[in-house]
């Protein structure tokens, strides 16, 4: 659904929403067009109202498809006046809408676009018909990043694959697919490409794109049939050093460190070597927004004691370790 304001458009009133059918069957990458008629009025008094378009919104009430909501194309006024008119158009139903949907509202369009006052307004509620969708051979998008863990500041590539989720095989045709980075992944408008007949397409990305969201989607007007969003995996570059090289047994020694380019409040562990090879966690902290952390070591015996800082996987950053450092208990 479009991003919402605090209330529906105060100028829109809806008296009737009619779908020309209440059940459809659709397979694979196809869509089934359902005709929609809306009887409504718009009363702001602005001359630009003559061009107002509407979108009918449906929400899932049952079933197992990938879509939780679907929306009509931009419906245009085809009869009557702006204050008492009829808007008509289509709802393109995808196989990923498998299940049952109910008409829940009508919004002033275009779908997902800004209103005069900013982001889209809430839809005007309307409890309408139910549409049953039998969706089969639903498309699925997967991604393989190369290298699997992308070094900071390095370019990479992603091979996107479109397969039939029922068979695990490609559809055997060249499929239009949007491949975006950052803003288009949230707001739409990704550049369009085509897969090979094997359902694959490989795209190269700049180093800067690795810090942003990457996405691929198959589109029907005005929503995604299927989509995949991902952030590339990054290595944890962990550094840590004790405030003192030696300290009395039982005293507290701050260990200061950082995790490169990570500003999330991720956990960090202080580990101590037991015996010849067993590392155990002896302290915990969280990253500050600066990417730095402070752990507290406490020498347990006299002699040279090995420590290290361990960063568990967090967000898109894989697990990592600092170099081993030592504190001498005295």
C-alpha atoms as a PDB file:
ATOM      1  CA  UNK A   1       0.000   0.000   0.000  1.00  0.00           C
ATOM      2  CA  UNK A   2       1.156   3.606  -0.471  1.00  0.00           C
ATOM      3  CA  UNK A   3       2.727   5.386   2.493  1.00  0.00           C
ATOM      4  CA  UNK A   4       0.005   6.868   4.658  1.00  0.00           C
ATOM      5  CA  UNK A   5      -0.874  10.211   6.149  1.00  0.00           C
ATOM      6  CA  UNK A   6      -2.993  10.607   9.261  1.00  0.00           C
ATOM      7  CA  UNK A   7      -6.357  10.595   7.457  1.00  0.00           C
ATOM      8  CA  UNK A   8      -8.060   9.887   4.111  1.00  0.00           C
ATOM      9  CA  UNK A   9      -8.515  12.568   1.494  1.00  0.00           C
ATOM     10  CA  UNK A  10     -11.305  14.765   2.972  1.00  0.00           C
ATOM     11  CA  UNK A  11     -12.661  15.666  -0.481  1.00  0.00           C
ATOM     12  CA  UNK A  12     -13.282  12.090  -1.668  1.00  0.00           C
ATOM     13  CA  UNK A  13     -16.566  10.251  -1.112  1.00  0.00           C
ATOM     14  CA  UNK A  14     -17.145   6.735  -2.444  1.00  0.00           C
ATOM     15  CA  UNK A  15     -20.620   5.297  -3.001  1.00  0.00           C
ATOM     16  CA  UNK A  16     -19.892   2.091  -4.922  1.00  0.00           C
ATOM     17  CA  UNK A  17     -17.014  -0.131  -6.061  1.00  0.00           C
ATOM     18  CA  UNK A  18     -17.780  -2.967  -8.468  1.00  0.00           C
ATOM     19  CA  UNK A  19     -15.514  -5.721  -9.793  1.00  0.00           C
ATOM     20  CA  UNK A  20     -16.744  -7.454 -12.951  1.00  0.00           C
ATOM     21  CA  UNK A  21     -15.849 -10.868 -11.501  1.00  0.00           C
ATOM     22  CA  UNK A  22     -15.183 -12.369  -8.091  1.00  0.00           C
ATOM     23  CA  UNK A  23     -12.788 -15.206  -8.988  1.00  0.00           C
ATOM     24  CA  UNK A  24      -9.903 -15.596 -11.428  1.00  0.00           C
ATOM     25  CA  UNK A  25      -7.203 -18.125 -12.255  1.00  0.00           C
ATOM     26  CA  UNK A  26      -3.778 -16.904 -13.299  1.00  0.00           C
ATOM     27  CA  UNK A  27      -0.473 -18.697 -13.851  1.00  0.00           C
ATOM     28  CA  UNK A  28       3.196 -17.766 -13.934  1.00  0.00           C
ATOM     29  CA  UNK A  29       4.117 -14.297 -15.147  1.00  0.00           C
ATOM     30  CA  UNK A  30       0.692 -13.578 -16.599  1.00  0.00           C
ATOM     31  CA  UNK A  31      -1.837 -11.194 -15.139  1.00  0.00           C
ATOM     32  CA  UNK A  32      -5.621 -11.358 -15.364  1.00  0.00           C
ATOM     33  CA  UNK A  33      -7.435  -8.041 -15.999  1.00  0.00           C
ATOM     34  CA  UNK A  34     -10.473  -7.448 -13.808  1.00  0.00           C
ATOM     35  CA  UNK A  35     -12.607  -4.465 -14.798  1.00  0.00           C
ATOM     36  CA  UNK A  36     -13.435  -2.038 -11.985  1.00  0.00           C
ATOM     37  CA  UNK A  37     -16.109   0.630 -11.761  1.00  0.00           C
ATOM     38  CA  UNK A  38     -16.124   3.235  -8.981  1.00  0.00           C
ATOM     39  CA  UNK A  39     -18.935   5.684  -8.330  1.00  0.00           C
ATOM     40  CA  UNK A  40     -17.562   8.580  -6.323  1.00  0.00           C
ATOM     41  CA  UNK A  41     -17.378  12.316  -5.887  1.00  0.00           C
ATOM     42  CA  UNK A  42     -14.535  14.761  -5.372  1.00  0.00           C
ATOM     43  CA  UNK A  43     -15.390  18.133  -3.854  1.00  0.00           C
ATOM     44  CA  UNK A  44     -12.339  20.340  -3.320  1.00  0.00           C
ATOM     45  CA  UNK A  45     -13.501  22.985  -5.816  1.00  0.00           C
ATOM     46  CA  UNK A  46     -10.111  23.129  -7.530  1.00  0.00           C
ATOM     47  CA  UNK A  47     -10.173  23.221 -11.348  1.00  0.00           C
ATOM     48  CA  UNK A  48      -7.452  20.559 -11.393  1.00  0.00           C
ATOM     49  CA  UNK A  49      -9.956  18.096  -9.897  1.00  0.00           C
ATOM     50  CA  UNK A  50     -11.084  17.173 -13.409  1.00  0.00           C
ATOM     51  CA  UNK A  51      -7.912  15.135 -13.717  1.00  0.00           C
ATOM     52  CA  UNK A  52      -8.172  13.233 -10.407  1.00  0.00           C
ATOM     53  CA  UNK A  53      -7.522   9.509 -10.765  1.00  0.00           C
ATOM     54  CA  UNK A  54      -8.490   6.842  -8.245  1.00  0.00           C
ATOM     55  CA  UNK A  55      -6.961   3.543  -7.114  1.00  0.00           C
ATOM     56  CA  UNK A  56      -8.951   0.708  -5.576  1.00  0.00           C
ATOM     57  CA  UNK A  57      -7.044  -1.146  -2.855  1.00  0.00           C
ATOM     58  CA  UNK A  58      -7.533  -4.782  -1.850  1.00  0.00           C
ATOM     59  CA  UNK A  59      -6.034  -6.578   1.131  1.00  0.00           C
ATOM     60  CA  UNK A  60      -5.446 -10.284   1.620  1.00  0.00           C
ATOM     61  CA  UNK A  61      -7.903 -12.117   3.879  1.00  0.00           C
ATOM     62  CA  UNK A  62      -6.693 -15.671   3.157  1.00  0.00           C
ATOM     63  CA  UNK A  63      -4.401 -17.841   1.057  1.00  0.00           C
ATOM     64  CA  UNK A  64      -0.667 -18.279   0.659  1.00  0.00           C
ATOM     65  CA  UNK A  65       0.499 -15.991  -2.140  1.00  0.00           C
ATOM     66  CA  UNK A  66       3.477 -13.646  -1.836  1.00  0.00           C
ATOM     67  CA  UNK A  67       1.329 -10.516  -2.144  1.00  0.00           C
ATOM     68  CA  UNK A  68      -0.421  -9.134   0.946  1.00  0.00           C
ATOM     69  CA  UNK A  69      -2.176  -6.363  -0.969  1.00  0.00           C
ATOM     70  CA  UNK A  70      -2.939  -5.419  -4.564  1.00  0.00           C
ATOM     71  CA  UNK A  71      -4.121  -2.231  -6.236  1.00  0.00           C
ATOM     72  CA  UNK A  72      -5.869  -1.205  -9.405  1.00  0.00           C
ATOM     73  CA  UNK A  73      -4.334   0.834 -12.188  1.00  0.00           C
ATOM     74  CA  UNK A  74      -5.085   4.558 -12.121  1.00  0.00           C
ATOM     75  CA  UNK A  75      -8.836   4.738 -12.745  1.00  0.00           C
ATOM     76  CA  UNK A  76     -10.007   7.647 -14.881  1.00  0.00           C
ATOM     77  CA  UNK A  77     -13.378   9.384 -14.831  1.00  0.00           C
ATOM     78  CA  UNK A  78     -15.407   8.144 -17.794  1.00  0.00           C
ATOM     79  CA  UNK A  79     -18.892   9.443 -16.964  1.00  0.00           C
ATOM     80  CA  UNK A  80     -20.689  12.040 -14.866  1.00  0.00           C
ATOM     81  CA  UNK A  81     -19.191  15.058 -13.139  1.00  0.00           C
ATOM     82  CA  UNK A  82     -16.254  15.332 -10.775  1.00  0.00           C
ATOM     83  CA  UNK A  83     -18.740  15.748  -7.902  1.00  0.00           C
ATOM     84  CA  UNK A  84     -20.837  12.737  -8.979  1.00  0.00           C
ATOM     85  CA  UNK A  85     -18.982  10.594 -11.455  1.00  0.00           C
ATOM     86  CA  UNK A  86     -17.919   7.162 -12.574  1.00  0.00           C
ATOM     87  CA  UNK A  87     -14.281   6.080 -12.695  1.00  0.00           C
ATOM     88  CA  UNK A  88     -13.292   2.934 -14.597  1.00  0.00           C
ATOM     89  CA  UNK A  89     -10.162   0.901 -15.226  1.00  0.00           C
ATOM     90  CA  UNK A  90      -8.514  -2.404 -14.453  1.00  0.00           C
ATOM     91  CA  UNK A  91      -7.090  -4.464 -11.657  1.00  0.00           C
ATOM     92  CA  UNK A  92      -4.184  -6.544 -12.966  1.00  0.00           C
ATOM     93  CA  UNK A  93      -4.210  -9.733 -10.885  1.00  0.00           C
ATOM     94  CA  UNK A  94      -0.905 -11.625 -10.611  1.00  0.00           C
ATOM     95  CA  UNK A  95      -0.334 -15.286  -9.724  1.00  0.00           C
ATOM     96  CA  UNK A  96       1.450 -14.143  -6.538  1.00  0.00           C
ATOM     97  CA  UNK A  97      -1.928 -12.872  -5.311  1.00  0.00           C
ATOM     98  CA  UNK A  98      -2.992 -16.503  -4.797  1.00  0.00           C
ATOM     99  CA  UNK A  99      -5.703 -16.466  -2.143  1.00  0.00           C
ATOM    100  CA  UNK A 100      -8.619 -14.247  -1.160  1.00  0.00           C
ATOM    101  CA  UNK A 101      -8.646 -10.447  -1.293  1.00  0.00           C
ATOM    102  CA  UNK A 102     -11.222  -7.909  -0.213  1.00  0.00           C
ATOM    103  CA  UNK A 103     -11.805  -4.370  -1.423  1.00  0.00           C
ATOM    104  CA  UNK A 104     -10.881  -2.194   1.578  1.00  0.00           C
ATOM    105  CA  UNK A 105     -10.615   1.319   0.224  1.00  0.00           C
ATOM    106  CA  UNK A 106     -10.214   3.843  -2.555  1.00  0.00           C
ATOM    107  CA  UNK A 107      -7.363   6.338  -2.747  1.00  0.00           C
ATOM    108  CA  UNK A 108      -6.764   9.416  -4.860  1.00  0.00           C
ATOM    109  CA  UNK A 109      -3.917   8.527  -7.206  1.00  0.00           C
ATOM    110  CA  UNK A 110      -1.580   8.076  -8.794  1.00  0.00           C
ATOM    111  CA  UNK A 111      -0.714   4.936  -6.840  1.00  0.00           C
ATOM    112  CA  UNK A 112       2.247   5.608  -4.556  1.00  0.00           C
ATOM    113  CA  UNK A 113       2.628   9.178  -5.769  1.00  0.00           C
ATOM    114  CA  UNK A 114       2.711  12.290  -3.570  1.00  0.00           C
ATOM    115  CA  UNK A 115      -0.435  14.231  -2.788  1.00  0.00           C
ATOM    116  CA  UNK A 116      -0.547  18.017  -2.951  1.00  0.00           C
ATOM    117  CA  UNK A 117       0.490  18.119   0.699  1.00  0.00           C
ATOM    118  CA  UNK A 118       3.248  15.498   0.588  1.00  0.00           C
ATOM    119  CA  UNK A 119       3.107  11.710   0.765  1.00  0.00           C
ATOM    120  CA  UNK A 120      -0.025   9.833  -0.341  1.00  0.00           C
ATOM    121  CA  UNK A 121      -3.115  10.124   1.822  1.00  0.00           C
ATOM    122  CA  UNK A 122      -4.789   7.185   3.513  1.00  0.00           C
ATOM    123  CA  UNK A 123      -7.386   5.403   1.387  1.00  0.00           C
ATOM    124  CA  UNK A 124     -11.021   6.226   1.996  1.00  0.00           C
ATOM    125  CA  UNK A 125     -12.367   3.038   3.643  1.00  0.00           C
ATOM    126  CA  UNK A 126     -14.817   0.984   1.631  1.00  0.00           C
ATOM    127  CA  UNK A 127     -15.898  -2.551   2.525  1.00  0.00           C
ATOM    128  CA  UNK A 128     -16.462  -4.128  -0.852  1.00  0.00           C
ATOM    129  CA  UNK A 129     -16.424  -7.341  -2.843  1.00  0.00           C
ATOM    130  CA  UNK A 130     -14.163 -10.305  -2.291  1.00  0.00           C
ATOM    131  CA  UNK A 131     -11.919 -11.604  -5.067  1.00  0.00           C
ATOM    132  CA  UNK A 132     -10.668 -15.204  -5.040  1.00  0.00           C
ATOM    133  CA  UNK A 133      -7.416 -15.784  -6.920  1.00  0.00           C
ATOM    134  CA  UNK A 134      -6.121 -19.202  -7.928  1.00  0.00           C
ATOM    135  CA  UNK A 135      -2.475 -18.444  -8.618  1.00  0.00           C
ATOM    136  CA  UNK A 136      -0.186 -21.191  -9.886  1.00  0.00           C
ATOM    137  CA  UNK A 137       3.458 -21.398 -11.006  1.00  0.00           C
ATOM    138  CA  UNK A 138       4.250 -18.238  -9.084  1.00  0.00           C
ATOM    139  CA  UNK A 139       7.541 -16.486  -9.968  1.00  0.00           C
ATOM    140  CA  UNK A 140      10.369 -16.376  -7.449  1.00  0.00           C
ATOM    141  CA  UNK A 141      13.442 -14.125  -7.575  1.00  0.00           C
ATOM    142  CA  UNK A 142      16.725 -15.180  -5.967  1.00  0.00           C
ATOM    143  CA  UNK A 143      20.161 -13.577  -5.950  1.00  0.00           C
ATOM    144  CA  UNK A 144      23.776 -14.736  -5.853  1.00  0.00           C
ATOM    145  CA  UNK A 145      26.359 -12.064  -4.990  1.00  0.00           C
ATOM    146  CA  UNK A 146      29.957 -12.308  -6.224  1.00  0.00           C
ATOM    147  CA  UNK A 147      32.069 -12.251  -4.170  1.00  0.00           C
ATOM    148  CA  UNK A 148      29.778 -13.688  -1.503  1.00  0.00           C
ATOM    149  CA  UNK A 149      31.208 -11.258   1.077  1.00  0.00           C
ATOM    150  CA  UNK A 150      31.996  -7.958  -0.626  1.00  0.00           C
ATOM    151  CA  UNK A 151      35.066  -6.113   0.681  1.00  0.00           C
ATOM    152  CA  UNK A 152      34.459  -2.526   1.679  1.00  0.00           C
ATOM    153  CA  UNK A 153      35.170  -0.140  -1.190  1.00  0.00           C
ATOM    154  CA  UNK A 154      35.136  -2.831  -3.875  1.00  0.00           C
ATOM    155  CA  UNK A 155      32.712  -3.408  -6.783  1.00  0.00           C
ATOM    156  CA  UNK A 156      30.687  -6.601  -7.067  1.00  0.00           C
ATOM    157  CA  UNK A 157      28.105  -8.323  -9.222  1.00  0.00           C
ATOM    158  CA  UNK A 158      24.753  -9.968  -8.584  1.00  0.00           C
ATOM    159  CA  UNK A 159      23.250 -12.740 -10.645  1.00  0.00           C
ATOM    160  CA  UNK A 160      19.483 -12.501 -10.335  1.00  0.00           C
ATOM    161  CA  UNK A 161      17.436 -15.600 -11.156  1.00  0.00           C
ATOM    162  CA  UNK A 162      13.722 -15.800 -11.954  1.00  0.00           C
ATOM    163  CA  UNK A 163      12.266 -19.279 -11.540  1.00  0.00           C
ATOM    164  CA  UNK A 164       8.900 -20.984 -11.359  1.00  0.00           C
ATOM    165  CA  UNK A 165       8.434 -21.638  -7.635  1.00  0.00           C
ATOM    166  CA  UNK A 166       6.357 -24.739  -8.406  1.00  0.00           C
ATOM    167  CA  UNK A 167       8.992 -26.437 -10.575  1.00  0.00           C
ATOM    168  CA  UNK A 168      12.217 -24.676  -9.610  1.00  0.00           C
ATOM    169  CA  UNK A 169      12.926 -24.131 -13.320  1.00  0.00           C
ATOM    170  CA  UNK A 170      13.068 -20.997 -15.494  1.00  0.00           C
ATOM    171  CA  UNK A 171      10.092 -20.023 -17.629  1.00  0.00           C
ATOM    172  CA  UNK A 172      12.085 -20.255 -20.868  1.00  0.00           C
ATOM    173  CA  UNK A 173      11.498 -16.664 -21.969  1.00  0.00           C
ATOM    174  CA  UNK A 174      13.291 -13.340 -21.613  1.00  0.00           C
ATOM    175  CA  UNK A 175      11.616 -11.652 -18.650  1.00  0.00           C
ATOM    176  CA  UNK A 176      11.461  -7.869 -18.103  1.00  0.00           C
ATOM    177  CA  UNK A 177      12.952  -7.152 -14.688  1.00  0.00           C
ATOM    178  CA  UNK A 178      13.676  -3.950 -12.789  1.00  0.00           C
ATOM    179  CA  UNK A 179      17.103  -3.752 -11.125  1.00  0.00           C
ATOM    180  CA  UNK A 180      17.541  -0.864  -8.730  1.00  0.00           C
ATOM    181  CA  UNK A 181      19.755   0.556  -6.008  1.00  0.00           C
ATOM    182  CA  UNK A 182      18.601   2.643  -3.039  1.00  0.00           C
ATOM    183  CA  UNK A 183      15.669   5.004  -3.767  1.00  0.00           C
ATOM    184  CA  UNK A 184      14.013   2.975  -6.572  1.00  0.00           C
ATOM    185  CA  UNK A 185      13.982  -0.039  -4.252  1.00  0.00           C
ATOM    186  CA  UNK A 186      11.650   1.855  -1.926  1.00  0.00           C
ATOM    187  CA  UNK A 187       9.791   4.136  -4.289  1.00  0.00           C
ATOM    188  CA  UNK A 188       9.845   2.358  -7.661  1.00  0.00           C
ATOM    189  CA  UNK A 189      11.304   3.445 -10.974  1.00  0.00           C
ATOM    190  CA  UNK A 190      14.162   0.937 -11.229  1.00  0.00           C
ATOM    191  CA  UNK A 191      15.846   0.705 -14.659  1.00  0.00           C
ATOM    192  CA  UNK A 192      14.444  -2.165 -16.709  1.00  0.00           C
ATOM    193  CA  UNK A 193      16.438  -5.073 -18.146  1.00  0.00           C
ATOM    194  CA  UNK A 194      15.637  -8.529 -19.523  1.00  0.00           C
ATOM    195  CA  UNK A 195      16.805 -11.904 -18.277  1.00  0.00           C
ATOM    196  CA  UNK A 196      18.091 -14.567 -20.640  1.00  0.00           C
ATOM    197  CA  UNK A 197      15.806 -17.449 -21.551  1.00  0.00           C
ATOM    198  CA  UNK A 198      17.465 -19.280 -18.643  1.00  0.00           C
ATOM    199  CA  UNK A 199      15.902 -16.730 -16.277  1.00  0.00           C
ATOM    200  CA  UNK A 200      19.295 -15.248 -15.324  1.00  0.00           C
ATOM    201  CA  UNK A 201      20.746 -11.781 -15.531  1.00  0.00           C
ATOM    202  CA  UNK A 202      24.078 -10.661 -14.073  1.00  0.00           C
ATOM    203  CA  UNK A 203      24.614  -6.988 -13.279  1.00  0.00           C
ATOM    204  CA  UNK A 204      27.775  -5.269 -12.111  1.00  0.00           C
ATOM    205  CA  UNK A 205      27.577  -2.689  -9.313  1.00  0.00           C
ATOM    206  CA  UNK A 206      29.903   0.073  -8.189  1.00  0.00           C
ATOM    207  CA  UNK A 207      31.603  -0.004  -4.808  1.00  0.00           C
ATOM    208  CA  UNK A 208      29.279   2.736  -3.511  1.00  0.00           C
ATOM    209  CA  UNK A 209      26.186   0.628  -4.252  1.00  0.00           C
ATOM    210  CA  UNK A 210      27.343  -1.926  -1.686  1.00  0.00           C
ATOM    211  CA  UNK A 211      26.379   0.449   1.135  1.00  0.00           C
ATOM    212  CA  UNK A 212      22.793   0.685  -0.182  1.00  0.00           C
ATOM    213  CA  UNK A 213      19.794  -1.549  -0.768  1.00  0.00           C
ATOM    214  CA  UNK A 214      19.810  -3.615  -3.956  1.00  0.00           C
ATOM    215  CA  UNK A 215      16.606  -4.918  -5.494  1.00  0.00           C
ATOM    216  CA  UNK A 216      15.045  -6.774  -8.385  1.00  0.00           C
ATOM    217  CA  UNK A 217      11.368  -6.892  -9.226  1.00  0.00           C
ATOM    218  CA  UNK A 218       8.910  -8.004 -11.867  1.00  0.00           C
ATOM    219  CA  UNK A 219       6.292  -5.348 -12.375  1.00  0.00           C
ATOM    220  CA  UNK A 220       2.677  -5.088 -13.386  1.00  0.00           C
ATOM    221  CA  UNK A 221       0.802  -1.802 -13.304  1.00  0.00           C
ATOM    222  CA  UNK A 222       0.909  -0.537 -10.546  1.00  0.00           C
ATOM    223  CA  UNK A 223       2.670  -3.028  -8.216  1.00  0.00           C
ATOM    224  CA  UNK A 224       5.309  -5.764  -8.103  1.00  0.00           C
ATOM    225  CA  UNK A 225       4.375  -9.290  -9.115  1.00  0.00           C
ATOM    226  CA  UNK A 226       7.510 -10.513  -7.349  1.00  0.00           C
ATOM    227  CA  UNK A 227      10.508  -8.824  -5.779  1.00  0.00           C
ATOM    228  CA  UNK A 228      13.761  -9.419  -3.943  1.00  0.00           C
ATOM    229  CA  UNK A 229      15.582  -6.876  -1.807  1.00  0.00           C
ATOM    230  CA  UNK A 230      19.028  -7.370  -0.282  1.00  0.00           C
ATOM    231  CA  UNK A 231      22.032  -5.692   1.211  1.00  0.00           C
ATOM    232  CA  UNK A 232      25.320  -7.285   0.235  1.00  0.00           C
ATOM    233  CA  UNK A 233      27.253  -9.108   2.951  1.00  0.00           C
ATOM    234  CA  UNK A 234      30.226  -7.167   4.293  1.00  0.00           C
ATOM    235  CA  UNK A 235      33.256  -8.309   6.296  1.00  0.00           C
ATOM    236  CA  UNK A 236      33.625  -7.313   9.940  1.00  0.00           C
ATOM    237  CA  UNK A 237      36.937  -5.509  10.343  1.00  0.00           C
ATOM    238  CA  UNK A 238      37.467  -5.545  14.095  1.00  0.00           C
ATOM    239  CA  UNK A 239      40.255  -3.845  15.999  1.00  0.00           C
ATOM    240  CA  UNK A 240      40.776  -3.921  19.773  1.00  0.00           C
ATOM    241  CA  UNK A 241      43.498  -3.006  22.244  1.00  0.00           C
ATOM    242  CA  UNK A 242      43.713  -2.974  26.063  1.00  0.00           C
ATOM    243  CA  UNK A 243      44.216   0.297  27.916  1.00  0.00           C
ATOM    244  CA  UNK A 244      47.063  -1.373  29.849  1.00  0.00           C
ATOM    245  CA  UNK A 245      49.486  -4.107  28.858  1.00  0.00           C
ATOM    246  CA  UNK A 246      49.671  -5.340  32.459  1.00  0.00           C
ATOM    247  CA  UNK A 247      47.410  -5.091  35.511  1.00  0.00           C
ATOM    248  CA  UNK A 248      46.956  -6.739  38.921  1.00  0.00           C
ATOM    249  CA  UNK A 249      44.910  -9.938  38.964  1.00  0.00           C
ATOM    250  CA  UNK A 250      41.206  -9.155  39.458  1.00  0.00           C
ATOM    251  CA  UNK A 251      41.451  -5.525  38.363  1.00  0.00           C
ATOM    252  CA  UNK A 252      39.452  -4.078  35.458  1.00  0.00           C
ATOM    253  CA  UNK A 253      41.235  -3.229  32.219  1.00  0.00           C
ATOM    254  CA  UNK A 254      39.188  -1.384  29.590  1.00  0.00           C
ATOM    255  CA  UNK A 255      39.546  -2.767  26.085  1.00  0.00           C
ATOM    256  CA  UNK A 256      38.774  -0.183  23.421  1.00  0.00           C
ATOM    257  CA  UNK A 257      38.058  -1.027  19.841  1.00  0.00           C
ATOM    258  CA  UNK A 258      35.994  -0.430  16.731  1.00  0.00           C
ATOM    259  CA  UNK A 259      34.225  -2.234  13.909  1.00  0.00           C
ATOM    260  CA  UNK A 260      34.876  -0.546  10.590  1.00  0.00           C
ATOM    261  CA  UNK A 261      31.912   1.167   8.931  1.00  0.00           C
ATOM    262  CA  UNK A 262      29.310  -0.305  11.336  1.00  0.00           C
ATOM    263  CA  UNK A 263      27.125   2.190  13.199  1.00  0.00           C
ATOM    264  CA  UNK A 264      24.335  -0.153  14.314  1.00  0.00           C
ATOM    265  CA  UNK A 265      23.988  -1.041  17.986  1.00  0.00           C
ATOM    266  CA  UNK A 266      25.464  -4.495  17.413  1.00  0.00           C
ATOM    267  CA  UNK A 267      26.851  -6.752  20.145  1.00  0.00           C
ATOM    268  CA  UNK A 268      30.582  -7.296  20.672  1.00  0.00           C
ATOM    269  CA  UNK A 269      32.104  -9.978  22.875  1.00  0.00           C
ATOM    270  CA  UNK A 270      35.378 -10.176  24.741  1.00  0.00           C
ATOM    271  CA  UNK A 271      36.821 -13.672  24.512  1.00  0.00           C
ATOM    272  CA  UNK A 272      39.632 -15.244  26.534  1.00  0.00           C
ATOM    273  CA  UNK A 273      41.691 -18.279  25.602  1.00  0.00           C
ATOM    274  CA  UNK A 274      41.283 -21.273  27.906  1.00  0.00           C
ATOM    275  CA  UNK A 275      43.812 -24.021  27.467  1.00  0.00           C
ATOM    276  CA  UNK A 276      45.380 -24.446  24.056  1.00  0.00           C
ATOM    277  CA  UNK A 277      42.416 -23.691  21.793  1.00  0.00           C
ATOM    278  CA  UNK A 278      39.150 -22.989  23.612  1.00  0.00           C
ATOM    279  CA  UNK A 279      37.921 -19.407  23.442  1.00  0.00           C
ATOM    280  CA  UNK A 280      35.219 -18.399  25.904  1.00  0.00           C
ATOM    281  CA  UNK A 281      33.195 -15.207  26.171  1.00  0.00           C
ATOM    282  CA  UNK A 282      34.073 -13.272  29.311  1.00  0.00           C
ATOM    283  CA  UNK A 283      32.507  -9.899  28.563  1.00  0.00           C
ATOM    284  CA  UNK A 284      29.872  -8.167  26.431  1.00  0.00           C
ATOM    285  CA  UNK A 285      29.267  -4.680  25.085  1.00  0.00           C
ATOM    286  CA  UNK A 286      27.436  -2.945  22.251  1.00  0.00           C
ATOM    287  CA  UNK A 287      28.702  -0.738  19.481  1.00  0.00           C
ATOM    288  CA  UNK A 288      28.161   2.965  19.848  1.00  0.00           C
ATOM    289  CA  UNK A 289      26.947   5.002  16.857  1.00  0.00           C
ATOM    290  CA  UNK A 290      30.578   5.921  16.266  1.00  0.00           C
ATOM    291  CA  UNK A 291      31.331   2.266  15.567  1.00  0.00           C
ATOM    292  CA  UNK A 292      33.471   2.043  18.707  1.00  0.00           C
ATOM    293  CA  UNK A 293      33.085  -0.152  21.773  1.00  0.00           C
ATOM    294  CA  UNK A 294      34.575  -0.676  25.210  1.00  0.00           C
ATOM    295  CA  UNK A 295      34.875  -4.085  26.860  1.00  0.00           C
ATOM    296  CA  UNK A 296      36.200  -4.824  30.329  1.00  0.00           C
ATOM    297  CA  UNK A 297      38.886  -7.431  30.807  1.00  0.00           C
ATOM    298  CA  UNK A 298      39.752  -8.802  34.248  1.00  0.00           C
ATOM    299  CA  UNK A 299      43.012 -10.761  34.434  1.00  0.00           C
ATOM    300  CA  UNK A 300      42.278 -13.995  36.305  1.00  0.00           C
ATOM    301  CA  UNK A 301      45.831 -15.156  37.005  1.00  0.00           C
ATOM    302  CA  UNK A 302      49.436 -14.035  36.851  1.00  0.00           C
ATOM    303  CA  UNK A 303      51.071 -14.329  33.477  1.00  0.00           C
ATOM    304  CA  UNK A 304      50.361 -13.469  29.854  1.00  0.00           C
ATOM    305  CA  UNK A 305      46.633 -13.909  29.047  1.00  0.00           C
ATOM    306  CA  UNK A 306      45.371 -13.997  25.410  1.00  0.00           C
ATOM    307  CA  UNK A 307      42.189 -12.076  24.550  1.00  0.00           C
ATOM    308  CA  UNK A 308      40.322 -11.148  21.388  1.00  0.00           C
ATOM    309  CA  UNK A 309      37.187  -9.198  20.447  1.00  0.00           C
ATOM    310  CA  UNK A 310      34.494 -11.131  18.590  1.00  0.00           C
ATOM    311  CA  UNK A 311      31.793  -9.473  16.477  1.00  0.00           C
ATOM    312  CA  UNK A 312      28.795 -11.784  15.835  1.00  0.00           C
ATOM    313  CA  UNK A 313      27.007 -11.369  12.504  1.00  0.00           C
ATOM    314  CA  UNK A 314      24.782  -8.291  12.662  1.00  0.00           C
ATOM    315  CA  UNK A 315      22.736  -6.725   9.889  1.00  0.00           C
ATOM    316  CA  UNK A 316      24.566  -7.306   6.606  1.00  0.00           C
ATOM    317  CA  UNK A 317      27.968  -7.612   8.305  1.00  0.00           C
ATOM    318  CA  UNK A 318      29.309 -11.132   8.793  1.00  0.00           C
ATOM    319  CA  UNK A 319      31.011 -12.296  11.986  1.00  0.00           C
ATOM    320  CA  UNK A 320      34.610 -11.232  12.561  1.00  0.00           C
ATOM    321  CA  UNK A 321      37.492 -11.241  15.023  1.00  0.00           C
ATOM    322  CA  UNK A 322      40.160  -8.831  16.115  1.00  0.00           C
ATOM    323  CA  UNK A 323      43.766  -9.882  16.275  1.00  0.00           C
ATOM    324  CA  UNK A 324      44.689 -11.606  19.510  1.00  0.00           C
ATOM    325  CA  UNK A 325      46.067  -9.248  22.140  1.00  0.00           C
ATOM    326  CA  UNK A 326      47.557  -9.902  25.568  1.00  0.00           C
ATOM    327  CA  UNK A 327      47.233  -8.572  29.096  1.00  0.00           C
ATOM    328  CA  UNK A 328      49.773  -9.640  31.683  1.00  0.00           C
ATOM    329  CA  UNK A 329      48.264 -10.416  35.081  1.00  0.00           C
ATOM    330  CA  UNK A 330      50.549  -9.256  37.907  1.00  0.00           C
END
